[in-house]
Amino acid sequence: MSAIPYSDDVLDPSVELWQLPDVAKLLGVAVTRVHQMLRDGELIAVRRSGVLGVPEAFFVEEGEVVRFLPGLLVVLRDGGYSDEDILRWLFTEDETLPGTPAAALHGDLAREVVRRAQAMAF
């Protein structure tokens, strides 16, 4: 079995992270399924203070991954962006959204975030 992929922690310390067992509990799956989601590129984890965590903003209250996130990650990775670049972009304030792209994925601007990612990637 391959190692669990993770990114350098390029996020502001105020960005809340959920440890992998907490992500598993939220999603109602085994922690090994969360590991597989990370390997498959459906999520990005960072190592903070020696512990792997996934940004809280990647989930909705209903216990699911934000709908457009996996596809958005594919678009950006295919466009040559590293996970660190993706995290920086997702969590950088954008006054035209308003807020961050990660926050906009939770609302009516989710498709706009994906459109911008497609434009950036090509």
PDB file of N, CA and C in Angstrom:
ATOM      1  N   MET A   1       0.854  -1.173   0.000  1.00  0.00           N
ATOM      2  CA  MET A   1       0.000   0.000   0.000  1.00  0.00           C
ATOM      3  C   MET A   1       0.901   1.237   0.000  1.00  0.00           C
ATOM      4  N   SER A   2       0.544   2.217  -0.803  1.00  0.00           N
ATOM      5  CA  SER A   2       1.367   3.411  -0.919  1.00  0.00           C
ATOM      6  C   SER A   2       1.135   4.356   0.262  1.00  0.00           C
ATOM      7  N   ALA A   3       2.081   5.248   0.426  1.00  0.00           N
ATOM      8  CA  ALA A   3       2.003   6.229   1.514  1.00  0.00           C
ATOM      9  C   ALA A   3       0.827   7.177   1.289  1.00  0.00           C
ATOM     10  N   ILE A   4       0.391   7.773   2.363  1.00  0.00           N
ATOM     11  CA  ILE A   4      -0.703   8.738   2.289  1.00  0.00           C
ATOM     12  C   ILE A   4      -0.115  10.066   1.807  1.00  0.00           C
ATOM     13  N   PRO A   5      -0.586  10.580   0.681  1.00  0.00           N
ATOM     14  CA  PRO A   5      -0.029  11.838   0.173  1.00  0.00           C
ATOM     15  C   PRO A   5      -0.503  13.031   1.010  1.00  0.00           C
ATOM     16  N   TYR A   6       0.380  14.008   1.146  1.00  0.00           N
ATOM     17  CA  TYR A   6       0.013  15.243   1.818  1.00  0.00           C
ATOM     18  C   TYR A   6       0.842  16.379   1.267  1.00  0.00           C
ATOM     19  N   SER A   7       0.371  17.569   1.494  1.00  0.00           N
ATOM     20  CA  SER A   7       1.008  18.791   1.021  1.00  0.00           C
ATOM     21  C   SER A   7       1.715  19.481   2.177  1.00  0.00           C
ATOM     22  N   ASP A   8       2.670  20.311   1.837  1.00  0.00           N
ATOM     23  CA  ASP A   8       3.230  21.205   2.850  1.00  0.00           C
ATOM     24  C   ASP A   8       2.109  22.120   3.326  1.00  0.00           C
ATOM     25  N   ASP A   9       2.174  22.531   4.575  1.00  0.00           N
ATOM     26  CA  ASP A   9       1.135  23.402   5.127  1.00  0.00           C
ATOM     27  C   ASP A   9       1.425  24.843   4.724  1.00  0.00           C
ATOM     28  N   VAL A  10       0.786  25.271   3.641  1.00  0.00           N
ATOM     29  CA  VAL A  10       0.933  26.635   3.141  1.00  0.00           C
ATOM     30  C   VAL A  10      -0.256  27.496   3.553  1.00  0.00           C
ATOM     31  N   LEU A  11      -1.130  26.929   4.366  1.00  0.00           N
ATOM     32  CA  LEU A  11      -2.358  27.615   4.773  1.00  0.00           C
ATOM     33  C   LEU A  11      -2.114  28.517   5.971  1.00  0.00           C
ATOM     34  N   ASP A  12      -2.934  29.542   6.056  1.00  0.00           N
ATOM     35  CA  ASP A  12      -2.925  30.402   7.230  1.00  0.00           C
ATOM     36  C   ASP A  12      -3.294  29.539   8.435  1.00  0.00           C
ATOM     37  N   PRO A  13      -2.664  29.791   9.571  1.00  0.00           N
ATOM     38  CA  PRO A  13      -2.988  28.989  10.761  1.00  0.00           C
ATOM     39  C   PRO A  13      -4.462  29.047  11.164  1.00  0.00           C
ATOM     40  N   SER A  14      -5.179  30.055  10.710  1.00  0.00           N
ATOM     41  CA  SER A  14      -6.605  30.165  11.051  1.00  0.00           C
ATOM     42  C   SER A  14      -7.484  29.187  10.265  1.00  0.00           C
ATOM     43  N   VAL A  15      -6.926  28.589   9.199  1.00  0.00           N
ATOM     44  CA  VAL A  15      -7.695  27.616   8.422  1.00  0.00           C
ATOM     45  C   VAL A  15      -7.816  26.342   9.256  1.00  0.00           C
ATOM     46  N   GLU A  16      -9.048  25.989   9.561  1.00  0.00           N
ATOM     47  CA  GLU A  16      -9.333  24.824  10.404  1.00  0.00           C
ATOM     48  C   GLU A  16      -9.088  23.533   9.634  1.00  0.00           C
ATOM     49  N   LEU A  17      -8.373  22.611  10.264  1.00  0.00           N
ATOM     50  CA  LEU A  17      -8.123  21.296   9.676  1.00  0.00           C
ATOM     51  C   LEU A  17      -8.821  20.233  10.505  1.00  0.00           C
ATOM     52  N   TRP A  18      -9.307  19.200   9.814  1.00  0.00           N
ATOM     53  CA  TRP A  18      -9.882  18.047  10.489  1.00  0.00           C
ATOM     54  C   TRP A  18      -8.925  16.883  10.318  1.00  0.00           C
ATOM     55  N   GLN A  19      -8.594  16.231  11.420  1.00  0.00           N
ATOM     56  CA  GLN A  19      -7.726  15.073  11.356  1.00  0.00           C
ATOM     57  C   GLN A  19      -8.434  13.953  10.595  1.00  0.00           C
ATOM     58  N   LEU A  20      -7.648  13.045  10.025  1.00  0.00           N
ATOM     59  CA  LEU A  20      -8.216  12.009   9.160  1.00  0.00           C
ATOM     60  C   LEU A  20      -9.269  11.142   9.851  1.00  0.00           C
ATOM     61  N   PRO A  21      -9.089  10.756  11.120  1.00  0.00           N
ATOM     62  CA  PRO A  21     -10.169   9.996  11.770  1.00  0.00           C
ATOM     63  C   PRO A  21     -11.472  10.796  11.881  1.00  0.00           C
ATOM     64  N   ASP A  22     -11.360  12.113  12.063  1.00  0.00           N
ATOM     65  CA  ASP A  22     -12.551  12.959  12.129  1.00  0.00           C
ATOM     66  C   ASP A  22     -13.228  13.059  10.764  1.00  0.00           C
ATOM     67  N   VAL A  23     -12.416  13.115   9.701  1.00  0.00           N
ATOM     68  CA  VAL A  23     -12.969  13.134   8.344  1.00  0.00           C
ATOM     69  C   VAL A  23     -13.726  11.832   8.092  1.00  0.00           C
ATOM     70  N   ALA A  24     -13.128  10.715   8.488  1.00  0.00           N
ATOM     71  CA  ALA A  24     -13.777   9.419   8.303  1.00  0.00           C
ATOM     72  C   ALA A  24     -15.114   9.369   9.029  1.00  0.00           C
ATOM     73  N   LYS A  25     -15.128   9.858  10.251  1.00  0.00           N
ATOM     74  CA  LYS A  25     -16.370   9.864  11.036  1.00  0.00           C
ATOM     75  C   LYS A  25     -17.425  10.742  10.366  1.00  0.00           C
ATOM     76  N   LEU A  26     -17.025  11.925   9.907  1.00  0.00           N
ATOM     77  CA  LEU A  26     -17.950  12.840   9.233  1.00  0.00           C
ATOM     78  C   LEU A  26     -18.560  12.189   7.998  1.00  0.00           C
ATOM     79  N   LEU A  27     -17.715  11.516   7.212  1.00  0.00           N
ATOM     80  CA  LEU A  27     -18.177  10.914   5.966  1.00  0.00           C
ATOM     81  C   LEU A  27     -18.841   9.558   6.176  1.00  0.00           C
ATOM     82  N   GLY A  28     -18.699   9.009   7.380  1.00  0.00           N
ATOM     83  CA  GLY A  28     -19.288   7.703   7.660  1.00  0.00           C
ATOM     84  C   GLY A  28     -18.567   6.566   6.968  1.00  0.00           C
ATOM     85  N   VAL A  29     -17.242   6.699   6.857  1.00  0.00           N
ATOM     86  CA  VAL A  29     -16.434   5.669   6.200  1.00  0.00           C
ATOM     87  C   VAL A  29     -15.256   5.303   7.101  1.00  0.00           C
ATOM     88  N   ALA A  30     -14.555   4.246   6.757  1.00  0.00           N
ATOM     89  CA  ALA A  30     -13.341   3.868   7.477  1.00  0.00           C
ATOM     90  C   ALA A  30     -12.226   4.846   7.131  1.00  0.00           C
ATOM     91  N   VAL A  31     -11.304   5.023   8.044  1.00  0.00           N
ATOM     92  CA  VAL A  31     -10.196   5.945   7.805  1.00  0.00           C
ATOM     93  C   VAL A  31      -9.365   5.501   6.601  1.00  0.00           C
ATOM     94  N   THR A  32      -9.342   4.201   6.328  1.00  0.00           N
ATOM     95  CA  THR A  32      -8.608   3.734   5.146  1.00  0.00           C
ATOM     96  C   THR A  32      -9.253   4.238   3.857  1.00  0.00           C
ATOM     97  N   ARG A  33     -10.567   4.465   3.879  1.00  0.00           N
ATOM     98  CA  ARG A  33     -11.247   5.049   2.712  1.00  0.00           C
ATOM     99  C   ARG A  33     -10.813   6.494   2.520  1.00  0.00           C
ATOM    100  N   VAL A  34     -10.617   7.224   3.616  1.00  0.00           N
ATOM    101  CA  VAL A  34     -10.112   8.599   3.530  1.00  0.00           C
ATOM    102  C   VAL A  34      -8.705   8.578   2.944  1.00  0.00           C
ATOM    103  N   HIS A  35      -7.879   7.633   3.367  1.00  0.00           N
ATOM    104  CA  HIS A  35      -6.530   7.490   2.800  1.00  0.00           C
ATOM    105  C   HIS A  35      -6.617   7.292   1.288  1.00  0.00           C
ATOM    106  N   GLN A  36      -7.570   6.440   0.855  1.00  0.00           N
ATOM    107  CA  GLN A  36      -7.731   6.177  -0.570  1.00  0.00           C
ATOM    108  C   GLN A  36      -8.212   7.423  -1.308  1.00  0.00           C
ATOM    109  N   MET A  37      -9.088   8.198  -0.687  1.00  0.00           N
ATOM    110  CA  MET A  37      -9.547   9.449  -1.304  1.00  0.00           C
ATOM    111  C   MET A  37      -8.381  10.403  -1.520  1.00  0.00           C
ATOM    112  N   LEU A  38      -7.457  10.418  -0.580  1.00  0.00           N
ATOM    113  CA  LEU A  38      -6.263  11.258  -0.721  1.00  0.00           C
ATOM    114  C   LEU A  38      -5.382  10.731  -1.850  1.00  0.00           C
ATOM    115  N   ARG A  39      -5.198   9.421  -1.906  1.00  0.00           N
ATOM    116  CA  ARG A  39      -4.391   8.824  -2.975  1.00  0.00           C
ATOM    117  C   ARG A  39      -5.028   9.066  -4.343  1.00  0.00           C
ATOM    118  N   ASP A  40      -6.354   9.031  -4.402  1.00  0.00           N
ATOM    119  CA  ASP A  40      -7.077   9.230  -5.664  1.00  0.00           C
ATOM    120  C   ASP A  40      -7.181  10.698  -6.057  1.00  0.00           C
ATOM    121  N   GLY A  41      -6.726  11.600  -5.194  1.00  0.00           N
ATOM    122  CA  GLY A  41      -6.745  13.022  -5.516  1.00  0.00           C
ATOM    123  C   GLY A  41      -8.082  13.697  -5.292  1.00  0.00           C
ATOM    124  N   GLU A  42      -8.982  13.052  -4.555  1.00  0.00           N
ATOM    125  CA  GLU A  42     -10.293  13.645  -4.280  1.00  0.00           C
ATOM    126  C   GLU A  42     -10.227  14.688  -3.178  1.00  0.00           C
ATOM    127  N   LEU A  43      -9.194  14.633  -2.367  1.00  0.00           N
ATOM    128  CA  LEU A  43      -8.969  15.565  -1.265  1.00  0.00           C
ATOM    129  C   LEU A  43      -7.484  15.910  -1.217  1.00  0.00           C
ATOM    130  N   ILE A  44      -7.161  16.951  -0.460  1.00  0.00           N
ATOM    131  CA  ILE A  44      -5.770  17.302  -0.182  1.00  0.00           C
ATOM    132  C   ILE A  44      -5.619  17.384   1.329  1.00  0.00           C
ATOM    133  N   ALA A  45      -4.599  16.725   1.837  1.00  0.00           N
ATOM    134  CA  ALA A  45      -4.273  16.807   3.256  1.00  0.00           C
ATOM    135  C   ALA A  45      -2.989  17.613   3.418  1.00  0.00           C
ATOM    136  N   VAL A  46      -2.838  18.223   4.572  1.00  0.00           N
ATOM    137  CA  VAL A  46      -1.594  18.912   4.923  1.00  0.00           C
ATOM    138  C   VAL A  46      -1.101  18.368   6.260  1.00  0.00           C
ATOM    139  N   ARG A  47       0.194  18.470   6.462  1.00  0.00           N
ATOM    140  CA  ARG A  47       0.763  18.064   7.749  1.00  0.00           C
ATOM    141  C   ARG A  47       0.994  19.332   8.560  1.00  0.00           C
ATOM    142  N   ARG A  48       0.304  19.406   9.689  1.00  0.00           N
ATOM    143  CA  ARG A  48       0.433  20.554  10.592  1.00  0.00           C
ATOM    144  C   ARG A  48       0.763  20.003  11.979  1.00  0.00           C
ATOM    145  N   SER A  49       1.849  20.473  12.524  1.00  0.00           N
ATOM    146  CA  SER A  49       2.293  20.022  13.845  1.00  0.00           C
ATOM    147  C   SER A  49       2.397  18.493  13.899  1.00  0.00           C
ATOM    148  N   GLY A  50       2.849  17.907  12.800  1.00  0.00           N
ATOM    149  CA  GLY A  50       3.075  16.466  12.759  1.00  0.00           C
ATOM    150  C   GLY A  50       1.841  15.623  12.525  1.00  0.00           C
ATOM    151  N   VAL A  51       0.679  16.251  12.328  1.00  0.00           N
ATOM    152  CA  VAL A  51      -0.576  15.513  12.164  1.00  0.00           C
ATOM    153  C   VAL A  51      -1.185  15.862  10.807  1.00  0.00           C
ATOM    154  N   LEU A  52      -1.674  14.842  10.105  1.00  0.00           N
ATOM    155  CA  LEU A  52      -2.335  15.091   8.826  1.00  0.00           C
ATOM    156  C   LEU A  52      -3.756  15.590   9.062  1.00  0.00           C
ATOM    157  N   GLY A  53      -4.131  16.591   8.266  1.00  0.00           N
ATOM    158  CA  GLY A  53      -5.477  17.135   8.361  1.00  0.00           C
ATOM    159  C   GLY A  53      -5.962  17.617   7.013  1.00  0.00           C
ATOM    160  N   VAL A  54      -7.259  17.683   6.867  1.00  0.00           N
ATOM    161  CA  VAL A  54      -7.910  18.147   5.646  1.00  0.00           C
ATOM    162  C   VAL A  54      -8.684  19.409   6.005  1.00  0.00           C
ATOM    163  N   PRO A  55      -8.586  20.459   5.175  1.00  0.00           N
ATOM    164  CA  PRO A  55      -9.320  21.691   5.491  1.00  0.00           C
ATOM    165  C   PRO A  55     -10.820  21.445   5.683  1.00  0.00           C
ATOM    166  N   GLU A  56     -11.342  22.009   6.739  1.00  0.00           N
ATOM    167  CA  GLU A  56     -12.769  21.895   7.059  1.00  0.00           C
ATOM    168  C   GLU A  56     -13.629  22.414   5.909  1.00  0.00           C
ATOM    169  N   ALA A  57     -13.130  23.399   5.183  1.00  0.00           N
ATOM    170  CA  ALA A  57     -13.891  24.008   4.088  1.00  0.00           C
ATOM    171  C   ALA A  57     -14.160  23.043   2.941  1.00  0.00           C
ATOM    172  N   PHE A  58     -13.524  21.880   2.947  1.00  0.00           N
ATOM    173  CA  PHE A  58     -13.733  20.897   1.888  1.00  0.00           C
ATOM    174  C   PHE A  58     -14.993  20.052   2.105  1.00  0.00           C
ATOM    175  N   PHE A  59     -15.731  20.339   3.179  1.00  0.00           N
ATOM    176  CA  PHE A  59     -16.894  19.517   3.521  1.00  0.00           C
ATOM    177  C   PHE A  59     -18.126  20.377   3.748  1.00  0.00           C
ATOM    178  N   VAL A  60     -19.276  19.765   3.560  1.00  0.00           N
ATOM    179  CA  VAL A  60     -20.552  20.406   3.883  1.00  0.00           C
ATOM    180  C   VAL A  60     -21.096  19.760   5.147  1.00  0.00           C
ATOM    181  N   GLU A  61     -21.992  20.447   5.798  1.00  0.00           N
ATOM    182  CA  GLU A  61     -22.538  19.997   7.080  1.00  0.00           C
ATOM    183  C   GLU A  61     -23.194  18.629   6.997  1.00  0.00           C
ATOM    184  N   GLU A  62     -23.690  18.272   5.842  1.00  0.00           N
ATOM    185  CA  GLU A  62     -24.403  17.009   5.693  1.00  0.00           C
ATOM    186  C   GLU A  62     -23.466  15.811   5.702  1.00  0.00           C
ATOM    187  N   GLY A  63     -22.179  16.045   5.900  1.00  0.00           N
ATOM    188  CA  GLY A  63     -21.224  14.942   5.953  1.00  0.00           C
ATOM    189  C   GLY A  63     -20.784  14.460   4.590  1.00  0.00           C
ATOM    190  N   GLU A  64     -20.555  15.398   3.688  1.00  0.00           N
ATOM    191  CA  GLU A  64     -20.111  15.072   2.339  1.00  0.00           C
ATOM    192  C   GLU A  64     -18.987  16.008   1.934  1.00  0.00           C
ATOM    193  N   VAL A  65     -18.225  15.582   0.943  1.00  0.00           N
ATOM    194  CA  VAL A  65     -17.223  16.451   0.334  1.00  0.00           C
ATOM    195  C   VAL A  65     -17.979  17.485  -0.503  1.00  0.00           C
ATOM    196  N   VAL A  66     -17.509  18.722  -0.503  1.00  0.00           N
ATOM    197  CA  VAL A  66     -18.123  19.767  -1.324  1.00  0.00           C
ATOM    198  C   VAL A  66     -18.228  19.250  -2.763  1.00  0.00           C
ATOM    199  N   ARG A  67     -19.377  19.408  -3.335  1.00  0.00           N
ATOM    200  CA  ARG A  67     -19.730  18.785  -4.613  1.00  0.00           C
ATOM    201  C   ARG A  67     -18.687  18.956  -5.719  1.00  0.00           C
ATOM    202  N   PHE A  68     -18.203  20.156  -5.926  1.00  0.00           N
ATOM    203  CA  PHE A  68     -17.325  20.426  -7.066  1.00  0.00           C
ATOM    204  C   PHE A  68     -15.842  20.224  -6.756  1.00  0.00           C
ATOM    205  N   LEU A  69     -15.486  19.938  -5.517  1.00  0.00           N
ATOM    206  CA  LEU A  69     -14.074  19.875  -5.140  1.00  0.00           C
ATOM    207  C   LEU A  69     -13.269  18.830  -5.904  1.00  0.00           C
ATOM    208  N   PRO A  70     -13.673  17.570  -5.968  1.00  0.00           N
ATOM    209  CA  PRO A  70     -12.835  16.593  -6.666  1.00  0.00           C
ATOM    210  C   PRO A  70     -12.552  16.970  -8.121  1.00  0.00           C
ATOM    211  N   GLY A  71     -13.557  17.425  -8.846  1.00  0.00           N
ATOM    212  CA  GLY A  71     -13.365  17.845 -10.232  1.00  0.00           C
ATOM    213  C   GLY A  71     -12.472  19.064 -10.347  1.00  0.00           C
ATOM    214  N   LEU A  72     -12.633  19.997  -9.425  1.00  0.00           N
ATOM    215  CA  LEU A  72     -11.798  21.193  -9.403  1.00  0.00           C
ATOM    216  C   LEU A  72     -10.334  20.823  -9.203  1.00  0.00           C
ATOM    217  N   LEU A  73     -10.079  19.886  -8.299  1.00  0.00           N
ATOM    218  CA  LEU A  73      -8.702  19.447  -8.058  1.00  0.00           C
ATOM    219  C   LEU A  73      -8.101  18.807  -9.300  1.00  0.00           C
ATOM    220  N   VAL A  74      -8.893  18.022 -10.019  1.00  0.00           N
ATOM    221  CA  VAL A  74      -8.415  17.398 -11.256  1.00  0.00           C
ATOM    222  C   VAL A  74      -8.052  18.464 -12.281  1.00  0.00           C
ATOM    223  N   VAL A  75      -8.927  19.438 -12.463  1.00  0.00           N
ATOM    224  CA  VAL A  75      -8.688  20.505 -13.443  1.00  0.00           C
ATOM    225  C   VAL A  75      -7.382  21.230 -13.131  1.00  0.00           C
ATOM    226  N   LEU A  76      -7.199  21.593 -11.881  1.00  0.00           N
ATOM    227  CA  LEU A  76      -6.002  22.344 -11.510  1.00  0.00           C
ATOM    228  C   LEU A  76      -4.736  21.496 -11.609  1.00  0.00           C
ATOM    229  N   ARG A  77      -4.813  20.261 -11.175  1.00  0.00           N
ATOM    230  CA  ARG A  77      -3.629  19.379 -11.288  1.00  0.00           C
ATOM    231  C   ARG A  77      -3.289  19.130 -12.752  1.00  0.00           C
ATOM    232  N   ASP A  78      -4.301  18.893 -13.573  1.00  0.00           N
ATOM    233  CA  ASP A  78      -4.053  18.685 -15.006  1.00  0.00           C
ATOM    234  C   ASP A  78      -3.458  19.935 -15.645  1.00  0.00           C
ATOM    235  N   GLY A  79      -3.752  21.093 -15.072  1.00  0.00           N
ATOM    236  CA  GLY A  79      -3.205  22.349 -15.571  1.00  0.00           C
ATOM    237  C   GLY A  79      -1.805  22.634 -15.059  1.00  0.00           C
ATOM    238  N   GLY A  80      -1.238  21.712 -14.292  1.00  0.00           N
ATOM    239  CA  GLY A  80       0.139  21.860 -13.841  1.00  0.00           C
ATOM    240  C   GLY A  80       0.310  22.458 -12.460  1.00  0.00           C
ATOM    241  N   TYR A  81      -0.769  22.660 -11.740  1.00  0.00           N
ATOM    242  CA  TYR A  81      -0.672  23.245 -10.405  1.00  0.00           C
ATOM    243  C   TYR A  81      -0.332  22.175  -9.374  1.00  0.00           C
ATOM    244  N   SER A  82       0.572  22.506  -8.469  1.00  0.00           N
ATOM    245  CA  SER A  82       0.909  21.607  -7.368  1.00  0.00           C
ATOM    246  C   SER A  82      -0.175  21.724  -6.300  1.00  0.00           C
ATOM    247  N   ASP A  83      -0.188  20.770  -5.389  1.00  0.00           N
ATOM    248  CA  ASP A  83      -1.164  20.843  -4.302  1.00  0.00           C
ATOM    249  C   ASP A  83      -0.970  22.107  -3.472  1.00  0.00           C
ATOM    250  N   GLU A  84       0.281  22.538  -3.283  1.00  0.00           N
ATOM    251  CA  GLU A  84       0.534  23.765  -2.530  1.00  0.00           C
ATOM    252  C   GLU A  84      -0.054  24.974  -3.255  1.00  0.00           C
ATOM    253  N   ASP A  85       0.122  25.015  -4.598  1.00  0.00           N
ATOM    254  CA  ASP A  85      -0.461  26.104  -5.398  1.00  0.00           C
ATOM    255  C   ASP A  85      -1.984  26.091  -5.299  1.00  0.00           C
ATOM    256  N   ILE A  86      -2.567  24.908  -5.357  1.00  0.00           N
ATOM    257  CA  ILE A  86      -4.017  24.772  -5.287  1.00  0.00           C
ATOM    258  C   ILE A  86      -4.525  25.283  -3.937  1.00  0.00           C
ATOM    259  N   LEU A  87      -3.875  24.875  -2.868  1.00  0.00           N
ATOM    260  CA  LEU A  87      -4.295  25.326  -1.536  1.00  0.00           C
ATOM    261  C   LEU A  87      -4.170  26.833  -1.392  1.00  0.00           C
ATOM    262  N   ARG A  88      -3.056  27.395  -1.880  1.00  0.00           N
ATOM    263  CA  ARG A  88      -2.887  28.859  -1.810  1.00  0.00           C
ATOM    264  C   ARG A  88      -4.026  29.550  -2.534  1.00  0.00           C
ATOM    265  N   TRP A  89      -4.351  29.081  -3.749  1.00  0.00           N
ATOM    266  CA  TRP A  89      -5.406  29.713  -4.534  1.00  0.00           C
ATOM    267  C   TRP A  89      -6.760  29.568  -3.858  1.00  0.00           C
ATOM    268  N   LEU A  90      -7.065  28.366  -3.382  1.00  0.00           N
ATOM    269  CA  LEU A  90      -8.373  28.131  -2.768  1.00  0.00           C
ATOM    270  C   LEU A  90      -8.604  28.967  -1.516  1.00  0.00           C
ATOM    271  N   PHE A  91      -7.543  29.284  -0.781  1.00  0.00           N
ATOM    272  CA  PHE A  91      -7.701  29.965   0.499  1.00  0.00           C
ATOM    273  C   PHE A  91      -7.175  31.403   0.492  1.00  0.00           C
ATOM    274  N   THR A  92      -7.020  31.988  -0.703  1.00  0.00           N
ATOM    275  CA  THR A  92      -6.635  33.389  -0.818  1.00  0.00           C
ATOM    276  C   THR A  92      -7.885  34.212  -1.099  1.00  0.00           C
ATOM    277  N   GLU A  93      -8.070  35.267  -0.336  1.00  0.00           N
ATOM    278  CA  GLU A  93      -9.232  36.147  -0.520  1.00  0.00           C
ATOM    279  C   GLU A  93      -9.284  36.663  -1.958  1.00  0.00           C
ATOM    280  N   ASP A  94     -10.485  36.686  -2.509  1.00  0.00           N
ATOM    281  CA  ASP A  94     -10.723  37.210  -3.855  1.00  0.00           C
ATOM    282  C   ASP A  94     -11.942  38.123  -3.769  1.00  0.00           C
ATOM    283  N   GLU A  95     -11.709  39.410  -3.867  1.00  0.00           N
ATOM    284  CA  GLU A  95     -12.802  40.370  -3.681  1.00  0.00           C
ATOM    285  C   GLU A  95     -13.874  40.265  -4.757  1.00  0.00           C
ATOM    286  N   THR A  96     -13.567  39.632  -5.889  1.00  0.00           N
ATOM    287  CA  THR A  96     -14.570  39.496  -6.944  1.00  0.00           C
ATOM    288  C   THR A  96     -15.534  38.347  -6.688  1.00  0.00           C
ATOM    289  N   LEU A  97     -15.267  37.512  -5.690  1.00  0.00           N
ATOM    290  CA  LEU A  97     -16.182  36.394  -5.418  1.00  0.00           C
ATOM    291  C   LEU A  97     -17.321  36.756  -4.470  1.00  0.00           C
ATOM    292  N   PRO A  98     -17.285  37.387  -3.425  1.00  0.00           N
ATOM    293  CA  PRO A  98     -16.221  37.780  -2.488  1.00  0.00           C
ATOM    294  C   PRO A  98     -15.850  36.611  -1.566  1.00  0.00           C
ATOM    295  N   GLY A  99     -14.740  36.748  -0.898  1.00  0.00           N
ATOM    296  CA  GLY A  99     -14.241  35.696  -0.022  1.00  0.00           C
ATOM    297  C   GLY A  99     -13.192  34.868  -0.734  1.00  0.00           C
ATOM    298  N   THR A 100     -13.038  33.646  -0.292  1.00  0.00           N
ATOM    299  CA  THR A 100     -12.058  32.751  -0.906  1.00  0.00           C
ATOM    300  C   THR A 100     -12.765  31.799  -1.870  1.00  0.00           C
ATOM    301  N   PRO A 101     -12.034  31.264  -2.852  1.00  0.00           N
ATOM    302  CA  PRO A 101     -12.640  30.249  -3.712  1.00  0.00           C
ATOM    303  C   PRO A 101     -13.163  29.047  -2.911  1.00  0.00           C
ATOM    304  N   ALA A 102     -12.451  28.658  -1.854  1.00  0.00           N
ATOM    305  CA  ALA A 102     -12.904  27.530  -1.027  1.00  0.00           C
ATOM    306  C   ALA A 102     -14.268  27.821  -0.416  1.00  0.00           C
ATOM    307  N   ALA A 103     -14.477  29.035   0.056  1.00  0.00           N
ATOM    308  CA  ALA A 103     -15.769  29.406   0.634  1.00  0.00           C
ATOM    309  C   ALA A 103     -16.845  29.489  -0.452  1.00  0.00           C
ATOM    310  N   ALA A 104     -16.456  29.986  -1.632  1.00  0.00           N
ATOM    311  CA  ALA A 104     -17.418  30.137  -2.727  1.00  0.00           C
ATOM    312  C   ALA A 104     -17.923  28.789  -3.231  1.00  0.00           C
ATOM    313  N   LEU A 105     -17.173  27.726  -3.025  1.00  0.00           N
ATOM    314  CA  LEU A 105     -17.620  26.389  -3.439  1.00  0.00           C
ATOM    315  C   LEU A 105     -18.878  25.953  -2.697  1.00  0.00           C
ATOM    316  N   HIS A 106     -19.175  26.619  -1.596  1.00  0.00           N
ATOM    317  CA  HIS A 106     -20.340  26.264  -0.787  1.00  0.00           C
ATOM    318  C   HIS A 106     -21.611  26.987  -1.216  1.00  0.00           C
ATOM    319  N   GLY A 107     -21.509  27.861  -2.199  1.00  0.00           N
ATOM    320  CA  GLY A 107     -22.679  28.647  -2.560  1.00  0.00           C
ATOM    321  C   GLY A 107     -22.933  28.706  -4.048  1.00  0.00           C
ATOM    322  N   ASP A 108     -23.619  29.766  -4.434  1.00  0.00           N
ATOM    323  CA  ASP A 108     -24.020  29.948  -5.824  1.00  0.00           C
ATOM    324  C   ASP A 108     -22.846  30.219  -6.761  1.00  0.00           C
ATOM    325  N   LEU A 109     -21.690  30.532  -6.215  1.00  0.00           N
ATOM    326  CA  LEU A 109     -20.535  30.860  -7.051  1.00  0.00           C
ATOM    327  C   LEU A 109     -19.629  29.659  -7.318  1.00  0.00           C
ATOM    328  N   ALA A 110     -20.057  28.464  -6.949  1.00  0.00           N
ATOM    329  CA  ALA A 110     -19.222  27.273  -7.129  1.00  0.00           C
ATOM    330  C   ALA A 110     -18.854  27.061  -8.596  1.00  0.00           C
ATOM    331  N   ARG A 111     -19.813  27.195  -9.480  1.00  0.00           N
ATOM    332  CA  ARG A 111     -19.521  27.015 -10.909  1.00  0.00           C
ATOM    333  C   ARG A 111     -18.555  28.086 -11.420  1.00  0.00           C
ATOM    334  N   GLU A 112     -18.645  29.287 -10.875  1.00  0.00           N
ATOM    335  CA  GLU A 112     -17.721  30.352 -11.249  1.00  0.00           C
ATOM    336  C   GLU A 112     -16.302  29.997 -10.815  1.00  0.00           C
ATOM    337  N   VAL A 113     -16.151  29.397  -9.644  1.00  0.00           N
ATOM    338  CA  VAL A 113     -14.826  28.971  -9.172  1.00  0.00           C
ATOM    339  C   VAL A 113     -14.251  27.937 -10.133  1.00  0.00           C
ATOM    340  N   VAL A 114     -15.067  26.964 -10.533  1.00  0.00           N
ATOM    341  CA  VAL A 114     -14.606  25.939 -11.474  1.00  0.00           C
ATOM    342  C   VAL A 114     -14.251  26.576 -12.818  1.00  0.00           C
ATOM    343  N   ARG A 115     -15.066  27.513 -13.282  1.00  0.00           N
ATOM    344  CA  ARG A 115     -14.776  28.190 -14.558  1.00  0.00           C
ATOM    345  C   ARG A 115     -13.440  28.912 -14.493  1.00  0.00           C
ATOM    346  N   ARG A 116     -13.183  29.610 -13.394  1.00  0.00           N
ATOM    347  CA  ARG A 116     -11.918  30.327 -13.228  1.00  0.00           C
ATOM    348  C   ARG A 116     -10.739  29.351 -13.192  1.00  0.00           C
ATOM    349  N   ALA A 117     -10.931  28.222 -12.543  1.00  0.00           N
ATOM    350  CA  ALA A 117      -9.874  27.216 -12.480  1.00  0.00           C
ATOM    351  C   ALA A 117      -9.568  26.685 -13.874  1.00  0.00           C
ATOM    352  N   GLN A 118     -10.611  26.460 -14.669  1.00  0.00           N
ATOM    353  CA  GLN A 118     -10.404  25.996 -16.029  1.00  0.00           C
ATOM    354  C   GLN A 118      -9.640  27.027 -16.843  1.00  0.00           C
ATOM    355  N   ALA A 119      -9.974  28.284 -16.673  1.00  0.00           N
ATOM    356  CA  ALA A 119      -9.283  29.353 -17.395  1.00  0.00           C
ATOM    357  C   ALA A 119      -7.820  29.467 -16.956  1.00  0.00           C
ATOM    358  N   MET A 120      -7.562  29.288 -15.673  1.00  0.00           N
ATOM    359  CA  MET A 120      -6.190  29.371 -15.151  1.00  0.00           C
ATOM    360  C   MET A 120      -5.347  28.207 -15.653  1.00  0.00           C
ATOM    361  N   ALA A 121      -5.970  27.051 -15.788  1.00  0.00           N
ATOM    362  CA  ALA A 121      -5.227  25.840 -16.073  1.00  0.00           C
ATOM    363  C   ALA A 121      -4.817  25.723 -17.557  1.00  0.00           C
ATOM    364  N   PHE A 122      -5.434  26.527 -18.412  1.00  0.00           N
ATOM    365  CA  PHE A 122      -5.093  26.393 -19.834  1.00  0.00           C
ATOM    366  C   PHE A 122      -4.680  27.678 -20.463  1.00  0.00           C
TER     367      PHE A 122
END
